[in-house]
Every structure is written in C-alpha cells, then in structure tokens.
Amino acid sequence: MKDSVKLVNKISQNLHTEVLLRVAARQQGRWATPEDLHKFSRGVLREGGNTVGDVVQTDGSGLSRHDLVTPLAFVALLSYAQKQAWFPSFLASLPVAGADGTLNERMKEPPLAGKIHAKTGSVTHVRALSGYVETPGGRKLIFSFLSNNQGGKNHEVQAAIDGVCLAMVEEFDEKSEVMKQ
C-alpha cells in the first residue's frame, strides 16, 4: 500500500487512485455499488474533520468535473494525517520541492527547495498545491492553494502558486515573527 500511495503522490498516477479507493473500502467490508464507495469516502472525510459540503467526490481520481473541494478541506485532512501513525510514510510519499516527483522542476532555490512536501493537482483551467512546509526558522505549516477557472497560461498560474509559497514561508517564518515584535 505504501508503494502504491507513493506512486500516486510522486508522479500523480490518477488511475491508481481509483484502485486505492476500492482497496481501502474493501478493507472495511464488502462494497457493491458506487454509493457504497461514496459512503466509505464520506466516513473517511468526516473522520478527517470535514463536514458535509466541504468535499463533493464522484470518483477516486479527482478528475471529474463534478468533484469539488475547498482548501479548508485539504488542510483538515492534512492536519488529520499529521496525527496518524502512518504519517511518516505519507509525508515521504509526497513530492519534494526541487527534488523529485511533480515538484522536481519547481521551487529549486532556498528557502523552498527540499522544504515543501506537497501534492500537485491539475485539470483543464485548474491548478492546486497542498501539503506541508518547514520554514527556515523551523516552523511547520500546512497549506492548500487552489486556482480555478484560470484565464492565464498553466505555467503562469504555477509560477504564481510558487510565488505564494515563497511569500507564505517569508511571512510565517518564526524568525520573521521575532523581528516584527
């Protein structure tokens, strides 16, 4: 399972997410209909701190135009994951800025290189980045940035999200907080 999650997260292999949903649901008992899978997903989302309406899921991959999610929902799930025994494996499965996976060619310079562990997401006119960052001062943050119905080119939106990551690290770094006081 750990290797499958790593494949999904590092290179964004979305076909595997459909299979992982079914395998995880199967671990909880039999399922026979798509509604059974949705019940399983809703239970996991609820356990992760999400309320009805935070996530609308129609498939396991997130590629359906009917799938909807808020940044708050991602942050709640990432916060939940951080408290689980399996978190170290999950964190290791995420792409690392400037180092590997879908973030290999992004955020290659300090203070972001090697410090952001995050999942990318993209479909037509949508770009997303959600995950964890450790600031130079050692502060650990959870974040989620989503861009919908973008009018710009994909690389421009991606560069803007990377710029917001840099601003986040600079603004919320503990060293910066000490200097402001």
Protein backbone atom coordinates (compact mmCIF):
# COMPACT_ATOMS: atom_id res chain seq x y z
CA MET A 1 0.00 0.00 0.00
CA LYS A 2 2.83 2.38 0.92
CA ASP A 3 4.40 1.95 -2.54
CA SER A 4 1.07 2.50 -4.30
CA VAL A 5 0.42 5.72 -2.38
CA LYS A 6 3.94 6.90 -3.19
CA LEU A 7 3.32 6.23 -6.91
CA VAL A 8 0.06 8.18 -6.78
CA ASN A 9 1.58 11.13 -4.98
CA LYS A 10 5.06 11.41 -6.52
CA ILE A 11 4.08 11.14 -10.19
CA SER A 12 0.33 11.81 -9.92
CA GLN A 13 -0.75 8.42 -11.25
CA ASN A 14 -4.51 9.04 -11.07
CA LEU A 15 -5.61 5.62 -12.36
CA HIS A 16 -4.18 4.11 -9.19
CA THR A 17 -6.32 6.39 -7.01
CA GLU A 18 -9.46 4.67 -8.29
CA VAL A 19 -7.97 1.31 -7.34
CA LEU A 20 -6.79 2.56 -3.94
CA LEU A 21 -10.29 3.80 -3.12
CA ARG A 22 -11.72 0.36 -3.86
CA VAL A 23 -8.97 -1.44 -1.92
CA ALA A 24 -9.43 0.82 1.11
CA ALA A 25 -13.21 0.43 1.01
CA ARG A 26 -12.79 -3.34 0.70
CA GLN A 27 -10.75 -3.36 3.91
CA GLN A 28 -13.86 -2.02 5.68
CA GLY A 29 -16.12 -4.72 4.23
CA ARG A 30 -17.91 -5.52 1.01
CA TRP A 31 -18.99 -2.85 -1.41
CA ALA A 32 -21.20 -3.44 -4.41
CA THR A 33 -22.23 -0.04 -5.72
CA PRO A 34 -20.68 3.38 -6.30
CA GLU A 35 -22.83 4.62 -3.41
CA ASP A 36 -21.04 2.14 -1.10
CA LEU A 37 -17.72 3.73 -2.16
CA HIS A 38 -19.11 7.21 -1.57
CA LYS A 39 -20.26 6.20 1.94
CA PHE A 40 -16.77 4.94 2.69
CA SER A 41 -15.19 8.17 1.40
CA ARG A 42 -17.61 10.34 3.37
CA GLY A 43 -16.73 8.42 6.53
CA VAL A 44 -13.01 8.99 5.98
CA LEU A 45 -13.59 12.67 5.25
CA ARG A 46 -15.71 13.06 8.38
CA GLU A 47 -13.05 11.34 10.47
CA GLY A 48 -10.53 13.77 8.95
CA GLY A 49 -12.51 16.76 10.19
CA ASN A 50 -14.57 17.67 7.14
CA THR A 51 -18.25 18.50 7.19
CA VAL A 52 -20.90 17.92 4.55
CA GLY A 53 -20.28 20.19 1.59
CA ASP A 54 -16.51 20.58 2.08
CA VAL A 55 -15.93 17.84 -0.50
CA VAL A 56 -18.06 16.58 -3.36
CA GLN A 57 -16.49 13.39 -4.66
CA THR A 58 -17.74 11.47 -7.66
CA ASP A 59 -14.65 9.37 -8.35
CA GLY A 60 -11.40 8.33 -6.73
CA SER A 61 -9.10 10.28 -9.02
CA GLY A 62 -10.45 13.80 -8.65
CA LEU A 63 -10.51 14.19 -12.42
CA SER A 64 -14.27 14.50 -12.77
CA ARG A 65 -15.63 17.99 -13.39
CA HIS A 66 -18.18 17.12 -10.70
CA ASP A 67 -15.51 16.73 -7.99
CA LEU A 68 -15.29 19.79 -5.74
CA VAL A 69 -13.15 20.54 -2.72
CA THR A 70 -12.24 23.54 -0.59
CA PRO A 71 -8.72 24.44 0.55
CA LEU A 72 -10.02 24.13 4.12
CA ALA A 73 -10.96 20.50 3.42
CA PHE A 74 -7.42 19.74 2.27
CA VAL A 75 -5.94 21.46 5.33
CA ALA A 76 -8.24 19.48 7.64
CA LEU A 77 -7.19 16.19 6.02
CA LEU A 78 -3.51 17.10 6.09
CA SER A 79 -3.80 18.06 9.75
CA TYR A 80 -5.54 14.77 10.49
CA ALA A 81 -2.83 12.84 8.60
CA GLN A 82 -0.12 14.54 10.67
CA LYS A 83 -1.55 12.93 13.82
CA GLN A 84 -1.63 9.37 12.45
CA ALA A 85 0.91 6.58 12.98
CA TRP A 86 1.28 6.27 9.19
CA PHE A 87 2.20 9.94 8.73
CA PRO A 88 5.96 9.42 8.15
CA SER A 89 5.19 7.11 5.20
CA PHE A 90 2.60 9.54 3.87
CA LEU A 91 4.99 12.50 4.12
CA ALA A 92 7.69 10.50 2.33
CA SER A 93 5.20 9.77 -0.46
CA LEU A 94 4.73 13.45 -1.31
CA PRO A 95 6.77 15.22 -3.98
CA VAL A 96 9.57 17.40 -2.57
CA ALA A 97 10.20 20.89 -3.98
CA GLY A 98 13.20 20.96 -6.28
CA ALA A 99 13.98 17.30 -5.63
CA ASP A 100 11.50 14.75 -7.00
CA GLY A 101 8.11 13.84 -8.34
CA THR A 102 5.86 16.51 -9.81
CA LEU A 103 7.80 19.19 -7.89
CA ASN A 104 11.18 18.16 -9.30
CA GLU A 105 11.47 21.24 -11.52
CA ARG A 106 9.70 23.68 -9.20
CA MET A 107 10.90 25.81 -6.26
CA LYS A 108 14.52 24.73 -6.67
CA GLU A 109 16.04 27.58 -4.65
CA PRO A 110 16.15 28.21 -0.89
CA PRO A 111 14.15 28.67 1.21
CA LEU A 112 11.69 26.37 -0.62
CA ALA A 113 13.95 23.66 -2.08
CA GLY A 114 13.66 20.49 -0.08
CA LYS A 115 11.33 22.14 2.43
CA ILE A 116 7.95 21.74 0.72
CA HIS A 117 6.31 18.31 0.63
CA ALA A 118 3.10 18.67 -1.34
CA LYS A 119 0.70 17.09 -3.80
CA THR A 120 0.11 18.86 -7.06
CA GLY A 121 -3.18 18.73 -8.90
CA SER A 122 -4.21 19.82 -12.35
CA VAL A 123 -7.04 19.53 -14.81
CA THR A 124 -8.02 21.98 -17.52
CA HIS A 125 -8.10 25.51 -16.04
CA VAL A 126 -7.34 24.24 -12.52
CA ARG A 127 -4.04 24.09 -10.63
CA ALA A 128 -3.54 23.06 -7.00
CA LEU A 129 -0.79 22.55 -4.46
CA SER A 130 -1.46 21.29 -0.93
CA GLY A 131 0.93 20.00 1.68
CA TYR A 132 3.49 20.83 4.33
CA VAL A 133 6.40 23.24 4.60
CA GLU A 134 9.09 23.83 7.17
CA THR A 135 10.29 27.44 7.30
CA PRO A 136 13.97 28.31 7.78
CA GLY A 137 13.16 29.12 11.42
CA GLY A 138 11.74 25.62 11.93
CA ARG A 139 8.04 26.47 11.89
CA LYS A 140 5.89 23.75 10.33
CA LEU A 141 2.92 24.86 8.26
CA ILE A 142 0.07 23.15 6.42
CA PHE A 143 -1.23 24.87 3.29
CA SER A 144 -3.57 24.48 0.34
CA PHE A 145 -3.66 26.72 -2.72
CA LEU A 146 -6.26 26.14 -5.44
CA SER A 147 -6.71 28.07 -8.68
CA ASN A 148 -9.99 27.57 -10.54
CA ASN A 149 -11.20 28.87 -13.91
CA GLN A 150 -7.82 30.41 -14.53
CA GLY A 151 -7.53 32.70 -17.50
CA GLY A 152 -3.74 32.63 -17.68
CA LYS A 153 -1.41 30.03 -19.05
CA ASN A 154 -0.73 26.98 -16.90
CA HIS A 155 2.93 27.88 -16.30
CA GLU A 156 1.91 31.40 -15.22
CA VAL A 157 -0.55 30.04 -12.65
CA GLN A 158 2.02 27.52 -11.44
CA ALA A 159 4.59 30.33 -11.05
CA ALA A 160 2.04 32.39 -9.11
CA ILE A 161 1.36 29.48 -6.73
CA ASP A 162 5.11 29.02 -6.25
CA GLY A 163 5.38 32.75 -5.51
CA VAL A 164 2.61 32.48 -2.91
CA CYS A 165 4.55 29.61 -1.31
CA LEU A 166 7.61 31.83 -1.03
CA ALA A 167 5.53 34.67 0.45
CA MET A 168 3.98 32.21 2.93
CA VAL A 169 7.37 30.99 4.11
CA GLU A 170 8.74 34.51 4.44
CA GLU A 171 5.64 35.84 6.22
CA PHE A 172 5.17 32.96 8.66
CA ASP A 173 8.78 32.10 9.41
CA GLU A 174 9.48 32.24 13.17
CA LYS A 175 12.49 34.47 12.56
CA SER A 176 10.23 36.97 10.82
CA GLU A 177 7.78 36.90 13.74
CA VAL A 178 10.56 37.68 16.22
CA MET A 179 11.78 40.58 14.08
CA LYS A 180 8.28 42.06 13.86
CA GLN A 181 7.81 42.14 17.65
